[in-house]
Amino acid sequence: MVTFREATIEEPSAARLLDEYFASRAAGFPAELGEYRVNRPNADDFVPPRGVFLIVEGETIEGEPGDVGCGGIRLLESPSDAVRYEVKHIWLEPHTRGQRIGRALLDELERRARAFGAQELVLDTNASLHAANALYRSAGYESIPPYNDNPNATNWFLKRL
């Protein structure tokens, strides 16, 4: 069983998980797209009600209680009048994948976004992240044209809440 706790991105556990996220993305980034560019998040963007950053509490690879994932949402300007939040930095340690924890984390982020008044959620990702793309599609996210200029992204998604 996993639980979620709010954290600042500067907390040691959050910083460690974000470092793992960025290292994994850089290591698996498609060579034809060049070099992965790390863009560390702004801590102020993940403070309620502007956003929130969650730590996934679960079991370490050794079976001990520990922090095994993270993800956040942040308020984003929308080209329409809709209140828009963006899903950012969903990461799970490899030993936890395939256990529906990513779905639970995404569901919790959506719940928090609704509580902040979000009417839509957007996110960007890379086509090489097959499981992530499948997760977003199965959760009701639809492909949209790019809403940002993230050089690491190849796919952009929207979900109306």
Protein backbone atom coordinates (compact mmCIF):
# COMPACT_ATOMS: atom_id res chain seq x y z
CA MET A 1 0.00 0.00 0.00
CA VAL A 2 1.18 3.51 -0.77
CA THR A 3 0.34 6.85 0.73
CA PHE A 4 1.07 10.39 -0.39
CA ARG A 5 2.44 13.31 1.56
CA GLU A 6 2.92 16.92 0.60
CA ALA A 7 6.50 18.09 0.44
CA THR A 8 8.53 21.03 -0.69
CA ILE A 9 10.82 20.23 -3.59
CA GLU A 10 13.73 21.33 -1.43
CA GLU A 11 13.21 18.58 1.16
CA PRO A 12 16.00 16.00 0.98
CA SER A 13 13.70 13.16 -0.09
CA ALA A 14 12.04 15.25 -2.80
CA ALA A 15 15.42 16.49 -4.04
CA ARG A 16 16.72 12.90 -4.17
CA LEU A 17 13.69 11.67 -6.10
CA LEU A 18 13.92 14.59 -8.55
CA ASP A 19 17.63 13.85 -9.04
CA GLU A 20 16.72 10.22 -9.82
CA TYR A 21 14.03 11.42 -12.22
CA PHE A 22 16.40 13.73 -14.10
CA ALA A 23 19.20 11.14 -14.22
CA SER A 24 16.85 8.49 -15.57
CA ARG A 25 15.44 10.83 -18.20
CA ALA A 26 18.94 11.84 -19.31
CA ALA A 27 20.12 8.21 -19.49
CA GLY A 28 17.14 7.09 -21.57
CA PHE A 29 16.69 10.18 -23.72
CA PRO A 30 16.56 9.40 -27.46
CA ALA A 31 19.90 10.30 -29.04
CA GLU A 32 18.21 11.66 -32.16
CA LEU A 33 16.68 14.43 -30.02
CA GLY A 34 20.03 15.60 -28.73
CA GLU A 35 20.90 15.98 -25.08
CA TYR A 36 18.28 15.96 -22.31
CA ARG A 37 17.98 19.38 -20.68
CA VAL A 38 17.41 19.45 -16.94
CA ASN A 39 14.99 22.15 -15.88
CA ARG A 40 14.73 22.13 -12.09
CA PRO A 41 11.30 23.18 -10.86
CA ASN A 42 10.63 26.44 -9.07
CA ALA A 43 9.72 25.63 -5.46
CA ASP A 44 7.14 28.44 -5.30
CA ASP A 45 5.11 26.81 -8.10
CA PHE A 46 4.38 23.80 -5.87
CA VAL A 47 2.99 25.55 -2.80
CA PRO A 48 -0.81 25.32 -2.30
CA PRO A 49 -2.99 26.62 -3.85
CA ARG A 50 -0.60 27.42 -6.73
CA GLY A 51 0.36 23.78 -6.80
CA VAL A 52 1.46 20.84 -4.75
CA PHE A 53 4.33 18.36 -4.78
CA LEU A 54 3.66 14.85 -3.48
CA ILE A 55 6.00 12.15 -2.25
CA VAL A 56 4.91 8.54 -2.71
CA GLU A 57 5.49 6.59 0.49
CA GLY A 58 5.80 2.87 -0.10
CA GLU A 59 8.38 0.12 0.24
CA THR A 60 12.02 0.34 -0.74
CA ILE A 61 13.56 -2.41 -2.82
CA GLU A 62 14.63 -3.98 0.50
CA GLY A 63 10.99 -4.06 1.67
CA GLU A 64 11.39 -1.28 4.20
CA PRO A 65 9.11 1.77 4.43
CA GLY A 66 10.47 4.56 2.28
CA ASP A 67 9.89 7.31 -0.26
CA VAL A 68 9.67 5.73 -3.70
CA GLY A 69 8.19 8.32 -6.04
CA CYS A 70 7.00 11.84 -6.60
CA GLY A 71 4.93 14.12 -8.76
CA GLY A 72 3.34 17.52 -8.71
CA ILE A 73 0.91 19.96 -10.22
CA ARG A 74 1.30 23.66 -10.77
CA LEU A 75 -0.98 26.46 -11.90
CA LEU A 76 -0.45 27.38 -15.52
CA GLU A 77 -1.86 30.13 -17.69
CA SER A 78 -4.45 28.92 -20.17
CA PRO A 79 -5.25 30.35 -23.59
CA SER A 80 -8.92 30.05 -22.62
CA ASP A 81 -10.71 31.13 -19.46
CA ALA A 82 -10.30 27.65 -17.97
CA VAL A 83 -8.34 27.19 -14.76
CA ARG A 84 -5.40 25.08 -15.91
CA TYR A 85 -2.87 23.09 -13.92
CA GLU A 86 0.09 21.17 -15.28
CA VAL A 87 1.22 17.72 -14.15
CA LYS A 88 4.99 17.66 -13.59
CA HIS A 89 7.76 15.23 -12.68
CA ILE A 90 5.88 12.00 -12.12
CA TRP A 91 8.56 9.52 -11.12
CA LEU A 92 8.53 6.09 -9.55
CA GLU A 93 11.55 4.06 -8.60
CA PRO A 94 11.88 1.14 -11.03
CA HIS A 95 11.06 -1.60 -8.49
CA THR A 96 7.60 -0.05 -7.90
CA ARG A 97 6.48 0.08 -11.51
CA GLY A 98 3.69 -2.13 -12.82
CA GLN A 99 1.83 -2.03 -9.49
CA ARG A 100 -0.67 0.71 -10.44
CA ILE A 101 1.13 3.21 -8.19
CA GLY A 102 1.55 5.62 -11.11
CA ARG A 103 -2.21 5.53 -11.67
CA ALA A 104 -2.84 6.14 -7.97
CA LEU A 105 -0.43 9.10 -8.00
CA LEU A 106 -2.02 10.58 -11.12
CA ASP A 107 -5.49 10.14 -9.59
CA GLU A 108 -4.35 11.90 -6.41
CA LEU A 109 -2.83 14.79 -8.38
CA GLU A 110 -6.08 15.14 -10.34
CA ARG A 111 -8.06 15.14 -7.06
CA ARG A 112 -5.82 17.87 -5.67
CA ALA A 113 -6.12 19.91 -8.88
CA ARG A 114 -9.92 19.72 -8.70
CA ALA A 115 -9.76 20.90 -5.08
CA PHE A 116 -7.75 23.93 -6.25
CA GLY A 117 -10.46 24.69 -8.82
CA ALA A 118 -8.77 23.25 -11.91
CA GLN A 119 -10.97 22.77 -14.94
CA GLU A 120 -8.27 21.16 -17.04
CA LEU A 121 -4.91 19.48 -16.67
CA VAL A 122 -2.11 19.45 -19.21
CA LEU A 123 1.20 17.67 -19.34
CA ASP A 124 4.09 17.07 -21.68
CA THR A 125 6.13 13.92 -22.10
CA ASN A 126 8.36 12.13 -24.56
CA ALA A 127 7.20 9.43 -26.97
CA SER A 128 10.01 7.17 -25.71
CA LEU A 129 8.20 6.87 -22.36
CA HIS A 130 5.76 4.22 -23.56
CA ALA A 131 4.29 3.32 -20.16
CA ALA A 132 3.74 6.98 -19.26
CA ASN A 133 2.02 7.70 -22.57
CA ALA A 134 -0.22 4.65 -22.10
CA LEU A 135 -1.05 5.75 -18.55
CA TYR A 136 -2.06 9.24 -19.65
CA ARG A 137 -4.19 7.98 -22.52
CA SER A 138 -5.92 5.39 -20.34
CA ALA A 139 -6.65 8.11 -17.77
CA GLY A 140 -8.51 10.20 -20.34
CA TYR A 141 -5.81 12.57 -21.53
CA GLU A 142 -6.03 13.55 -25.19
CA SER A 143 -3.22 14.62 -27.51
CA ILE A 144 -3.04 18.36 -28.15
CA PRO A 145 -0.68 20.70 -30.01
CA PRO A 146 2.33 21.87 -27.98
CA TYR A 147 1.43 24.35 -25.24
CA ASN A 148 5.06 25.02 -24.31
CA ASP A 149 8.53 24.91 -25.82
CA ASN A 150 9.95 22.09 -23.69
CA PRO A 151 12.86 20.72 -25.79
CA ASN A 152 12.55 17.32 -24.06
CA ALA A 153 8.88 16.84 -25.00
CA THR A 154 7.44 15.23 -28.09
CA ASN A 155 3.87 14.66 -26.83
CA TRP A 156 1.43 17.05 -25.15
CA PHE A 157 -1.83 16.06 -23.45
CA LEU A 158 -4.97 17.66 -22.01
CA LYS A 159 -7.70 16.37 -19.73
CA ARG A 160 -10.82 18.36 -18.95
CA LEU A 161 -11.93 17.87 -15.37
